N, C-alpha and C. Protein backbone atom coordinates (compact mmCIF):
# COMPACT_ATOMS: atom_id res chain seq x y z
N MET A 1 26.50 -54.10 -6.73
CA MET A 1 25.67 -53.28 -7.61
C MET A 1 24.57 -52.63 -6.77
N GLN A 2 24.41 -51.32 -6.92
CA GLN A 2 23.41 -50.59 -6.16
C GLN A 2 22.09 -50.56 -6.92
N SER A 3 21.01 -50.75 -6.20
CA SER A 3 19.68 -50.73 -6.78
C SER A 3 19.31 -49.30 -7.18
N ILE A 4 18.55 -49.16 -8.25
CA ILE A 4 18.09 -47.84 -8.70
C ILE A 4 17.11 -47.27 -7.67
N GLN A 5 16.26 -48.11 -7.12
CA GLN A 5 15.28 -47.65 -6.14
C GLN A 5 15.64 -48.23 -4.78
N ASP A 6 16.09 -47.38 -3.87
CA ASP A 6 16.45 -47.83 -2.53
C ASP A 6 15.31 -47.69 -1.54
N ASP A 7 14.24 -47.03 -1.93
CA ASP A 7 13.13 -46.75 -1.03
C ASP A 7 11.88 -47.50 -1.51
N TYR A 8 11.55 -48.58 -0.86
CA TYR A 8 10.41 -49.40 -1.25
C TYR A 8 9.20 -49.08 -0.38
N ASN A 9 8.00 -49.17 -0.93
CA ASN A 9 6.79 -48.91 -0.16
C ASN A 9 6.65 -49.84 1.03
N THR A 10 7.17 -51.04 0.94
CA THR A 10 7.08 -51.98 2.06
C THR A 10 7.93 -51.53 3.24
N GLN A 11 8.89 -50.65 3.01
CA GLN A 11 9.75 -50.14 4.08
C GLN A 11 9.24 -48.81 4.62
N ARG A 12 8.24 -48.23 4.03
CA ARG A 12 7.70 -46.94 4.45
C ARG A 12 6.57 -47.13 5.44
N SER A 13 6.22 -46.04 6.13
CA SER A 13 5.08 -46.10 7.04
C SER A 13 3.79 -46.26 6.22
N PRO A 14 2.77 -46.88 6.79
CA PRO A 14 1.52 -47.08 6.05
C PRO A 14 0.84 -45.75 5.73
N LEU A 15 0.12 -45.72 4.63
CA LEU A 15 -0.61 -44.52 4.24
C LEU A 15 -1.83 -44.35 5.14
N THR A 16 -2.06 -43.11 5.56
CA THR A 16 -3.23 -42.82 6.39
C THR A 16 -4.49 -42.87 5.53
N ILE A 17 -4.45 -42.21 4.39
CA ILE A 17 -5.57 -42.21 3.45
C ILE A 17 -5.01 -42.62 2.09
N ALA A 18 -5.12 -43.87 1.76
CA ALA A 18 -4.48 -44.41 0.56
C ALA A 18 -4.99 -43.78 -0.74
N GLU A 19 -6.21 -43.27 -0.73
CA GLU A 19 -6.79 -42.71 -1.95
C GLU A 19 -6.00 -41.49 -2.45
N TYR A 20 -5.35 -40.78 -1.55
CA TYR A 20 -4.62 -39.57 -1.93
C TYR A 20 -3.18 -39.84 -2.32
N GLY A 21 -2.63 -40.94 -1.92
CA GLY A 21 -1.28 -41.30 -2.31
C GLY A 21 -0.22 -40.77 -1.37
N ARG A 22 0.98 -41.27 -1.56
CA ARG A 22 2.09 -40.96 -0.68
C ARG A 22 2.55 -39.51 -0.81
N THR A 23 2.53 -38.96 -2.00
CA THR A 23 2.99 -37.59 -2.19
C THR A 23 2.15 -36.61 -1.39
N VAL A 24 0.83 -36.77 -1.45
CA VAL A 24 -0.05 -35.87 -0.70
C VAL A 24 0.15 -36.07 0.79
N GLN A 25 0.32 -37.32 1.24
CA GLN A 25 0.53 -37.57 2.66
C GLN A 25 1.83 -36.92 3.14
N GLU A 26 2.88 -37.00 2.34
CA GLU A 26 4.14 -36.36 2.71
C GLU A 26 3.99 -34.84 2.77
N TYR A 27 3.19 -34.29 1.88
CA TYR A 27 2.92 -32.86 1.86
C TYR A 27 2.18 -32.45 3.14
N VAL A 28 1.18 -33.23 3.52
CA VAL A 28 0.42 -32.95 4.75
C VAL A 28 1.33 -33.03 5.97
N THR A 29 2.19 -34.02 6.02
CA THR A 29 3.13 -34.15 7.13
C THR A 29 4.03 -32.92 7.22
N HIS A 30 4.48 -32.45 6.07
CA HIS A 30 5.30 -31.23 6.05
C HIS A 30 4.50 -30.03 6.56
N ILE A 31 3.27 -29.90 6.11
CA ILE A 31 2.44 -28.77 6.54
C ILE A 31 2.23 -28.80 8.05
N GLN A 32 2.03 -29.97 8.62
CA GLN A 32 1.84 -30.09 10.06
C GLN A 32 3.06 -29.63 10.85
N SER A 33 4.22 -29.67 10.23
CA SER A 33 5.45 -29.28 10.92
C SER A 33 5.71 -27.77 10.85
N LEU A 34 4.93 -27.03 10.06
CA LEU A 34 5.13 -25.60 9.93
C LEU A 34 4.72 -24.88 11.22
N PRO A 35 5.51 -23.91 11.67
CA PRO A 35 5.22 -23.26 12.94
C PRO A 35 4.07 -22.23 12.89
N GLU A 36 3.88 -21.60 11.76
CA GLU A 36 2.87 -20.53 11.66
C GLU A 36 1.51 -21.07 11.23
N LYS A 37 0.48 -20.77 12.01
CA LYS A 37 -0.87 -21.26 11.70
C LYS A 37 -1.36 -20.72 10.36
N GLU A 38 -1.09 -19.47 10.07
CA GLU A 38 -1.54 -18.87 8.81
C GLU A 38 -0.94 -19.61 7.61
N GLU A 39 0.32 -19.94 7.71
CA GLU A 39 0.99 -20.67 6.63
C GLU A 39 0.41 -22.08 6.48
N ARG A 40 0.16 -22.76 7.62
CA ARG A 40 -0.44 -24.10 7.57
C ARG A 40 -1.82 -24.05 6.92
N THR A 41 -2.60 -23.02 7.27
CA THR A 41 -3.95 -22.88 6.70
C THR A 41 -3.88 -22.67 5.19
N GLN A 42 -2.99 -21.79 4.77
CA GLN A 42 -2.85 -21.50 3.34
C GLN A 42 -2.41 -22.75 2.57
N MET A 43 -1.43 -23.46 3.11
CA MET A 43 -0.93 -24.67 2.43
C MET A 43 -1.99 -25.77 2.44
N GLY A 44 -2.73 -25.88 3.53
CA GLY A 44 -3.80 -26.88 3.61
C GLY A 44 -4.88 -26.63 2.57
N ALA A 45 -5.20 -25.36 2.36
CA ALA A 45 -6.19 -25.00 1.33
C ALA A 45 -5.68 -25.37 -0.05
N SER A 46 -4.38 -25.27 -0.25
CA SER A 46 -3.83 -25.62 -1.57
C SER A 46 -3.95 -27.12 -1.84
N ILE A 47 -3.91 -27.93 -0.79
CA ILE A 47 -4.12 -29.38 -0.98
C ILE A 47 -5.54 -29.63 -1.48
N GLY A 48 -6.50 -28.93 -0.88
CA GLY A 48 -7.89 -29.08 -1.31
C GLY A 48 -8.07 -28.68 -2.76
N LYS A 49 -7.43 -27.62 -3.17
CA LYS A 49 -7.53 -27.18 -4.57
C LYS A 49 -6.85 -28.19 -5.50
N TYR A 50 -5.72 -28.72 -5.04
CA TYR A 50 -5.00 -29.71 -5.83
C TYR A 50 -5.85 -30.96 -6.07
N ASN A 51 -6.57 -31.37 -5.05
CA ASN A 51 -7.40 -32.58 -5.15
C ASN A 51 -8.77 -32.30 -5.75
N GLY A 52 -9.08 -31.03 -5.99
CA GLY A 52 -10.36 -30.68 -6.61
C GLY A 52 -11.52 -30.73 -5.64
N ASN A 53 -11.24 -30.61 -4.35
CA ASN A 53 -12.30 -30.70 -3.34
C ASN A 53 -12.90 -29.36 -2.97
N THR A 54 -12.35 -28.25 -3.48
CA THR A 54 -12.90 -26.95 -3.10
C THR A 54 -13.27 -26.19 -4.35
């Protein structure tokens, strides 16, 4: 029988900033991989708006 959830937090890398959660951290990791600086800047600003920091 296969488990519904195959991805457990104990098997994932530790959160850098736990207050923001795993989804935001994964988004930041994706943004860091983008080749264009302008695109990274725009996406980074959207994280700030999402979190209500700007």
